[in-house]
Amino acid sequence: MKKDVWISITSTQRFEGCDVDKVDLVTAAKLYQRRGKYYIVYDESELTGMEGSRTTVRLGAGEAAVVRTGSCPSELLFAENERHVGLYQTPFGAMTISTHTTRLHNTVGSNGGQLVIDYTLEVDHSLVGENHLEMVVAELLENT
């Protein structure tokens, strides 16, 4: 059964030679469980620059995946102390994106929770930055 939730995402990116880039986002989402994994699904908006995309966060035992469909399709995989290579589509063409996860902490369950991921990002095999992602999932409370 799908549950309406609020998600709060804080993403911090450190790129060599640049100021720290921090993005905060709060949006409505759906939370559900299927085959032992939790899924968080939300639509991107013009605020994220990915309007027309849908993001699905898939959470399994010791791993997480962020899958985008629509105008900016991509799939990023995260597992602590592992490196994963994927393809990232942009309006300007495709790029090889690699993540190396140094920390993955997940407490998301049927009533919400928190996901924390620390990882480095490589584009076409060149290190471009360090990233910290925090997502808090909270049940949507109905007015009574």
N, C-alpha and C. Protein backbone atom coordinates (compact mmCIF):
# COMPACT_ATOMS: atom_id res chain seq x y z
N MET A 1 0.83 -1.18 0.00
CA MET A 1 0.00 0.00 0.00
C MET A 1 0.88 1.25 0.00
N LYS A 2 0.59 2.18 -0.87
CA LYS A 2 1.36 3.42 -0.94
C LYS A 2 0.89 4.40 0.11
N LYS A 3 1.86 5.07 0.70
CA LYS A 3 1.60 6.04 1.75
C LYS A 3 2.07 7.41 1.30
N ASP A 4 1.27 8.45 1.56
CA ASP A 4 1.70 9.82 1.28
C ASP A 4 2.66 10.27 2.37
N VAL A 5 3.81 10.80 1.96
CA VAL A 5 4.83 11.26 2.91
C VAL A 5 5.39 12.61 2.45
N TRP A 6 6.05 13.26 3.37
CA TRP A 6 6.87 14.44 3.05
C TRP A 6 8.31 13.98 3.08
N ILE A 7 9.10 14.46 2.14
CA ILE A 7 10.54 14.20 2.21
C ILE A 7 11.27 15.53 2.26
N SER A 8 12.28 15.55 3.07
CA SER A 8 13.16 16.72 3.20
C SER A 8 14.54 16.25 2.78
N ILE A 9 15.07 16.88 1.73
CA ILE A 9 16.37 16.48 1.20
C ILE A 9 17.36 17.63 1.35
N THR A 10 18.51 17.34 1.92
CA THR A 10 19.61 18.28 1.97
C THR A 10 20.79 17.63 1.26
N SER A 11 21.29 18.32 0.25
CA SER A 11 22.41 17.81 -0.53
C SER A 11 23.52 18.85 -0.50
N THR A 12 24.71 18.41 -0.10
CA THR A 12 25.87 19.30 -0.06
C THR A 12 26.92 18.74 -1.02
N GLN A 13 27.40 19.60 -1.92
CA GLN A 13 28.40 19.18 -2.89
C GLN A 13 29.63 20.06 -2.76
N ARG A 14 30.78 19.41 -2.71
CA ARG A 14 32.05 20.12 -2.66
C ARG A 14 32.83 19.78 -3.92
N PHE A 15 33.02 20.78 -4.76
CA PHE A 15 33.79 20.62 -5.99
C PHE A 15 35.11 21.36 -5.83
N GLU A 16 36.18 20.76 -6.29
CA GLU A 16 37.50 21.35 -6.17
C GLU A 16 37.52 22.73 -6.82
N GLY A 17 38.02 23.71 -6.06
CA GLY A 17 38.15 25.06 -6.57
C GLY A 17 36.87 25.88 -6.56
N CYS A 18 35.78 25.34 -5.97
CA CYS A 18 34.49 26.04 -5.95
C CYS A 18 33.95 26.13 -4.53
N ASP A 19 33.03 27.06 -4.33
CA ASP A 19 32.35 27.15 -3.05
C ASP A 19 31.46 25.93 -2.86
N VAL A 20 31.16 25.61 -1.60
CA VAL A 20 30.26 24.51 -1.29
C VAL A 20 28.88 24.84 -1.84
N ASP A 21 28.26 23.88 -2.49
CA ASP A 21 26.93 24.04 -3.07
C ASP A 21 25.95 23.23 -2.23
N LYS A 22 24.97 23.91 -1.64
CA LYS A 22 23.99 23.23 -0.78
C LYS A 22 22.59 23.45 -1.34
N VAL A 23 21.83 22.35 -1.42
CA VAL A 23 20.46 22.41 -1.91
C VAL A 23 19.56 21.79 -0.86
N ASP A 24 18.48 22.51 -0.52
CA ASP A 24 17.46 22.00 0.39
C ASP A 24 16.15 21.89 -0.38
N LEU A 25 15.44 20.79 -0.20
CA LEU A 25 14.19 20.56 -0.91
C LEU A 25 13.22 19.84 0.02
N VAL A 26 11.99 20.31 0.04
CA VAL A 26 10.92 19.61 0.74
C VAL A 26 9.81 19.39 -0.28
N THR A 27 9.35 18.14 -0.39
CA THR A 27 8.31 17.84 -1.38
C THR A 27 7.47 16.65 -0.93
N ALA A 28 6.30 16.54 -1.50
CA ALA A 28 5.43 15.39 -1.25
C ALA A 28 5.94 14.20 -2.06
N ALA A 29 5.74 13.01 -1.51
CA ALA A 29 6.20 11.79 -2.17
C ALA A 29 5.30 10.63 -1.77
N LYS A 30 5.54 9.50 -2.39
CA LYS A 30 4.86 8.25 -2.04
C LYS A 30 5.91 7.30 -1.49
N LEU A 31 5.54 6.55 -0.43
CA LEU A 31 6.40 5.55 0.19
C LEU A 31 5.67 4.22 0.13
N TYR A 32 6.37 3.18 -0.34
CA TYR A 32 5.76 1.85 -0.32
C TYR A 32 6.85 0.79 -0.24
N GLN A 33 6.42 -0.42 0.08
CA GLN A 33 7.33 -1.55 0.18
C GLN A 33 6.93 -2.61 -0.83
N ARG A 34 7.95 -3.18 -1.48
CA ARG A 34 7.71 -4.27 -2.42
C ARG A 34 8.92 -5.21 -2.39
N ARG A 35 8.66 -6.48 -2.22
CA ARG A 35 9.70 -7.51 -2.22
C ARG A 35 10.87 -7.19 -1.29
N GLY A 36 10.55 -6.72 -0.10
CA GLY A 36 11.57 -6.47 0.91
C GLY A 36 12.34 -5.17 0.77
N LYS A 37 11.97 -4.35 -0.21
CA LYS A 37 12.64 -3.06 -0.40
C LYS A 37 11.63 -1.94 -0.25
N TYR A 38 12.12 -0.79 0.22
CA TYR A 38 11.27 0.40 0.32
C TYR A 38 11.55 1.30 -0.87
N TYR A 39 10.50 1.95 -1.33
CA TYR A 39 10.57 2.86 -2.47
C TYR A 39 9.98 4.21 -2.08
N ILE A 40 10.67 5.26 -2.48
CA ILE A 40 10.20 6.64 -2.29
C ILE A 40 10.14 7.24 -3.69
N VAL A 41 8.97 7.74 -4.09
CA VAL A 41 8.78 8.24 -5.45
C VAL A 41 8.26 9.67 -5.38
N TYR A 42 8.92 10.56 -6.14
CA TYR A 42 8.45 11.95 -6.21
C TYR A 42 8.76 12.54 -7.57
N ASP A 43 8.00 13.58 -7.92
CA ASP A 43 8.21 14.28 -9.18
C ASP A 43 9.12 15.47 -8.96
N GLU A 44 10.08 15.63 -9.87
CA GLU A 44 10.98 16.79 -9.80
C GLU A 44 10.23 18.03 -10.27
N SER A 45 10.72 19.19 -9.88
CA SER A 45 10.08 20.45 -10.25
C SER A 45 11.11 21.34 -10.94
N GLU A 46 10.66 22.49 -11.38
CA GLU A 46 11.58 23.43 -12.01
C GLU A 46 12.62 23.93 -11.01
N LEU A 47 12.33 23.85 -9.71
CA LEU A 47 13.30 24.27 -8.69
C LEU A 47 14.57 23.43 -8.73
N THR A 48 14.45 22.16 -9.10
CA THR A 48 15.63 21.28 -9.16
C THR A 48 16.28 21.29 -10.53
N GLY A 49 15.62 21.93 -11.49
CA GLY A 49 16.15 21.96 -12.84
C GLY A 49 15.86 20.69 -13.63
N MET A 50 15.04 19.81 -13.06
CA MET A 50 14.73 18.54 -13.71
C MET A 50 13.23 18.36 -13.89
N GLU A 51 12.53 19.44 -14.15
CA GLU A 51 11.08 19.38 -14.35
C GLU A 51 10.77 18.37 -15.44
N GLY A 52 9.74 17.56 -15.20
CA GLY A 52 9.39 16.53 -16.16
C GLY A 52 10.03 15.19 -15.86
N SER A 53 10.79 15.11 -14.77
CA SER A 53 11.42 13.86 -14.35
C SER A 53 10.74 13.33 -13.10
N ARG A 54 10.75 12.03 -12.96
CA ARG A 54 10.27 11.37 -11.74
C ARG A 54 11.45 10.65 -11.12
N THR A 55 11.61 10.82 -9.81
CA THR A 55 12.71 10.19 -9.09
C THR A 55 12.17 9.08 -8.20
N THR A 56 12.81 7.93 -8.27
CA THR A 56 12.49 6.80 -7.41
C THR A 56 13.74 6.44 -6.62
N VAL A 57 13.62 6.43 -5.30
CA VAL A 57 14.71 6.01 -4.43
C VAL A 57 14.36 4.60 -3.96
N ARG A 58 15.21 3.64 -4.29
CA ARG A 58 14.99 2.24 -3.95
C ARG A 58 15.97 1.87 -2.84
N LEU A 59 15.45 1.40 -1.70
CA LEU A 59 16.27 1.11 -0.53
C LEU A 59 16.21 -0.37 -0.19
N GLY A 60 17.37 -1.02 -0.26
CA GLY A 60 17.47 -2.42 0.10
C GLY A 60 18.47 -2.58 1.24
N ALA A 61 18.76 -3.81 1.58
CA ALA A 61 19.71 -4.10 2.65
C ALA A 61 21.10 -3.63 2.25
N GLY A 62 21.58 -2.55 2.87
CA GLY A 62 22.93 -2.06 2.63
C GLY A 62 23.15 -1.35 1.31
N GLU A 63 22.06 -1.03 0.59
CA GLU A 63 22.23 -0.35 -0.69
C GLU A 63 21.08 0.62 -0.94
N ALA A 64 21.34 1.54 -1.83
CA ALA A 64 20.33 2.50 -2.26
C ALA A 64 20.55 2.79 -3.74
N ALA A 65 19.46 3.06 -4.44
CA ALA A 65 19.54 3.45 -5.85
C ALA A 65 18.65 4.67 -6.04
N VAL A 66 19.12 5.62 -6.83
CA VAL A 66 18.33 6.79 -7.21
C VAL A 66 18.14 6.70 -8.71
N VAL A 67 16.88 6.48 -9.11
CA VAL A 67 16.55 6.27 -10.52
C VAL A 67 15.66 7.42 -10.98
N ARG A 68 16.08 8.09 -12.04
CA ARG A 68 15.27 9.17 -12.61
C ARG A 68 14.80 8.75 -13.99
N THR A 69 13.52 9.02 -14.25
CA THR A 69 12.94 8.78 -15.57
C THR A 69 12.35 10.10 -16.06
N GLY A 70 12.17 10.22 -17.34
CA GLY A 70 11.59 11.44 -17.90
C GLY A 70 12.64 12.24 -18.64
N SER A 71 12.67 13.56 -18.38
CA SER A 71 13.53 14.45 -19.15
C SER A 71 15.02 14.28 -18.86
N CYS A 72 15.39 13.77 -17.69
CA CYS A 72 16.80 13.57 -17.32
C CYS A 72 17.00 12.15 -16.78
N PRO A 73 16.92 11.11 -17.61
CA PRO A 73 17.02 9.75 -17.09
C PRO A 73 18.43 9.42 -16.58
N SER A 74 18.47 8.74 -15.44
CA SER A 74 19.74 8.31 -14.86
C SER A 74 19.49 7.27 -13.79
N GLU A 75 20.55 6.58 -13.40
CA GLU A 75 20.49 5.64 -12.27
C GLU A 75 21.83 5.70 -11.55
N LEU A 76 21.77 6.05 -10.27
CA LEU A 76 22.96 6.08 -9.43
C LEU A 76 22.79 5.03 -8.34
N LEU A 77 23.82 4.20 -8.15
CA LEU A 77 23.78 3.15 -7.16
C LEU A 77 24.76 3.46 -6.04
N PHE A 78 24.35 3.13 -4.81
CA PHE A 78 25.16 3.40 -3.64
C PHE A 78 25.20 2.16 -2.73
N ALA A 79 26.39 1.72 -2.37
CA ALA A 79 26.60 0.67 -1.38
C ALA A 79 27.90 1.02 -0.67
N GLU A 80 27.89 0.99 0.64
CA GLU A 80 29.04 1.44 1.42
C GLU A 80 30.32 0.72 0.99
N ASN A 81 31.37 1.52 0.80
CA ASN A 81 32.70 1.06 0.40
C ASN A 81 32.73 0.39 -0.97
N GLU A 82 31.76 0.77 -1.83
CA GLU A 82 31.74 0.23 -3.19
C GLU A 82 31.68 1.37 -4.20
N ARG A 83 32.19 1.07 -5.40
CA ARG A 83 32.16 2.02 -6.52
C ARG A 83 31.22 1.47 -7.58
N HIS A 84 30.32 2.31 -8.07
CA HIS A 84 29.37 1.90 -9.10
C HIS A 84 29.44 2.89 -10.26
N VAL A 85 29.34 2.35 -11.48
CA VAL A 85 29.41 3.17 -12.69
C VAL A 85 28.04 3.13 -13.37
N GLY A 86 27.58 4.31 -13.80
CA GLY A 86 26.30 4.40 -14.48
C GLY A 86 26.35 5.44 -15.58
N LEU A 87 25.24 5.58 -16.28
CA LEU A 87 25.13 6.53 -17.37
C LEU A 87 24.15 7.61 -16.96
N TYR A 88 24.47 8.86 -17.24
CA TYR A 88 23.65 10.00 -16.88
C TYR A 88 23.31 10.76 -18.15
N GLN A 89 22.02 10.86 -18.45
CA GLN A 89 21.57 11.56 -19.65
C GLN A 89 21.31 13.03 -19.34
N THR A 90 21.78 13.91 -20.17
CA THR A 90 21.50 15.34 -20.05
C THR A 90 21.00 15.84 -21.40
N PRO A 91 20.46 17.04 -21.45
CA PRO A 91 20.05 17.59 -22.74
C PRO A 91 21.24 17.77 -23.70
N PHE A 92 22.46 17.72 -23.16
CA PHE A 92 23.66 17.93 -23.97
C PHE A 92 24.36 16.63 -24.35
N GLY A 93 23.81 15.49 -23.90
CA GLY A 93 24.39 14.19 -24.21
C GLY A 93 24.55 13.34 -22.96
N ALA A 94 25.10 12.15 -23.13
CA ALA A 94 25.27 11.21 -22.04
C ALA A 94 26.69 11.29 -21.47
N MET A 95 26.79 11.03 -20.16
CA MET A 95 28.09 11.01 -19.48
C MET A 95 28.17 9.75 -18.62
N THR A 96 29.37 9.26 -18.43
CA THR A 96 29.60 8.17 -17.48
C THR A 96 29.75 8.79 -16.10
N ILE A 97 28.94 8.33 -15.16
CA ILE A 97 28.98 8.83 -13.78
C ILE A 97 29.34 7.66 -12.87
N SER A 98 30.31 7.87 -11.98
CA SER A 98 30.69 6.85 -11.01
C SER A 98 30.50 7.40 -9.61
N THR A 99 29.96 6.56 -8.73
CA THR A 99 29.84 6.93 -7.32
C THR A 99 30.70 5.98 -6.51
N HIS A 100 31.38 6.53 -5.52
CA HIS A 100 32.10 5.71 -4.54
C HIS A 100 31.56 6.10 -3.18
N THR A 101 30.81 5.19 -2.58
CA THR A 101 30.10 5.48 -1.33
C THR A 101 30.99 5.18 -0.13
N THR A 102 31.17 6.18 0.73
CA THR A 102 31.97 5.99 1.94
C THR A 102 31.09 5.77 3.16
N ARG A 103 29.82 6.18 3.08
CA ARG A 103 28.89 5.98 4.19
C ARG A 103 27.48 5.87 3.65
N LEU A 104 26.74 4.86 4.12
CA LEU A 104 25.34 4.72 3.81
C LEU A 104 24.62 4.31 5.08
N HIS A 105 23.74 5.17 5.56
CA HIS A 105 22.98 4.91 6.79
C HIS A 105 21.50 5.04 6.43
N ASN A 106 20.73 3.98 6.67
CA ASN A 106 19.33 3.96 6.28
C ASN A 106 18.47 3.43 7.41
N THR A 107 17.49 4.23 7.83
CA THR A 107 16.52 3.79 8.84
C THR A 107 15.09 3.86 8.29
N VAL A 108 14.94 4.02 6.98
CA VAL A 108 13.61 4.17 6.39
C VAL A 108 12.84 2.85 6.50
N GLY A 109 11.62 2.98 7.04
CA GLY A 109 10.71 1.85 7.16
C GLY A 109 9.30 2.32 6.82
N SER A 110 8.32 1.55 7.19
CA SER A 110 6.94 1.86 6.81
C SER A 110 6.41 3.16 7.40
N ASN A 111 7.04 3.66 8.46
CA ASN A 111 6.61 4.92 9.08
C ASN A 111 7.56 6.08 8.79
N GLY A 112 8.45 5.90 7.82
CA GLY A 112 9.41 6.95 7.49
C GLY A 112 10.79 6.60 8.00
N GLY A 113 11.63 7.62 8.15
CA GLY A 113 12.99 7.40 8.63
C GLY A 113 13.96 8.34 7.95
N GLN A 114 15.22 7.95 7.96
CA GLN A 114 16.28 8.81 7.43
C GLN A 114 17.24 8.00 6.57
N LEU A 115 17.72 8.65 5.51
CA LEU A 115 18.76 8.09 4.65
C LEU A 115 19.90 9.09 4.59
N VAL A 116 21.12 8.63 4.84
CA VAL A 116 22.31 9.48 4.76
C VAL A 116 23.32 8.76 3.87
N ILE A 117 23.82 9.49 2.86
CA ILE A 117 24.83 8.92 1.96
C ILE A 117 25.96 9.93 1.79
N ASP A 118 27.19 9.49 2.02
CA ASP A 118 28.38 10.27 1.70
C ASP A 118 29.08 9.54 0.55
N TYR A 119 29.41 10.29 -0.49
CA TYR A 119 30.02 9.65 -1.66
C TYR A 119 30.82 10.65 -2.47
N THR A 120 31.76 10.12 -3.25
CA THR A 120 32.46 10.95 -4.22
C THR A 120 31.83 10.68 -5.59
N LEU A 121 31.99 11.65 -6.46
CA LEU A 121 31.39 11.57 -7.79
C LEU A 121 32.47 11.76 -8.84
N GLU A 122 32.48 10.88 -9.83
CA GLU A 122 33.38 10.99 -10.97
C GLU A 122 32.54 11.15 -12.23
N VAL A 123 32.97 12.03 -13.11
CA VAL A 123 32.33 12.19 -14.41
C VAL A 123 33.38 11.83 -15.46
N ASP A 124 33.02 10.87 -16.30
CA ASP A 124 33.95 10.36 -17.31
C ASP A 124 35.32 10.06 -16.71
N HIS A 125 35.30 9.39 -15.55
CA HIS A 125 36.48 8.88 -14.84
C HIS A 125 37.35 9.95 -14.20
N SER A 126 36.84 11.18 -14.06
CA SER A 126 37.57 12.24 -13.37
C SER A 126 36.81 12.65 -12.12
N LEU A 127 37.50 12.66 -10.98
CA LEU A 127 36.88 13.06 -9.72
C LEU A 127 36.43 14.51 -9.81
N VAL A 128 35.14 14.74 -9.52
CA VAL A 128 34.63 16.11 -9.59
C VAL A 128 34.20 16.64 -8.24
N GLY A 129 33.94 15.77 -7.26
CA GLY A 129 33.55 16.32 -5.98
C GLY A 129 33.12 15.29 -4.96
N GLU A 130 32.91 15.81 -3.75
CA GLU A 130 32.42 15.01 -2.63
C GLU A 130 31.00 15.44 -2.34
N ASN A 131 30.15 14.48 -2.01
CA ASN A 131 28.73 14.76 -1.80
C ASN A 131 28.24 14.18 -0.49
N HIS A 132 27.30 14.90 0.12
CA HIS A 132 26.62 14.45 1.33
C HIS A 132 25.13 14.63 1.08
N LEU A 133 24.37 13.55 1.20
CA LEU A 133 22.94 13.59 0.97
C LEU A 133 22.23 13.11 2.23
N GLU A 134 21.25 13.89 2.68
CA GLU A 134 20.39 13.49 3.79
C GLU A 134 18.95 13.60 3.35
N MET A 135 18.20 12.54 3.56
CA MET A 135 16.77 12.55 3.25
C MET A 135 16.01 12.10 4.49
N VAL A 136 15.05 12.91 4.90
CA VAL A 136 14.18 12.54 6.01
C VAL A 136 12.79 12.30 5.43
N VAL A 137 12.22 11.16 5.76
CA VAL A 137 10.90 10.78 5.26
C VAL A 137 9.94 10.80 6.45
N ALA A 138 8.87 11.59 6.34
CA ALA A 138 7.90 11.73 7.42
C ALA A 138 6.50 11.49 6.90
N GLU A 139 5.70 10.75 7.68
CA GLU A 139 4.32 10.50 7.28
C GLU A 139 3.55 11.81 7.17
N LEU A 140 2.68 11.87 6.20
CA LEU A 140 1.81 13.02 6.02
C LEU A 140 0.67 12.89 7.01
N LEU A 141 0.56 13.86 7.90
CA LEU A 141 -0.50 13.81 8.91
C LEU A 141 -1.76 14.46 8.37
N GLU A 142 -2.88 13.79 8.55
CA GLU A 142 -4.15 14.34 8.09
C GLU A 142 -4.74 15.23 9.18
N ASN A 143 -5.42 16.30 8.76
CA ASN A 143 -6.11 17.17 9.71
C ASN A 143 -7.36 16.46 10.21
N THR A 144 -7.56 16.51 11.52
CA THR A 144 -8.76 15.89 12.09
C THR A 144 -9.63 16.91 12.74
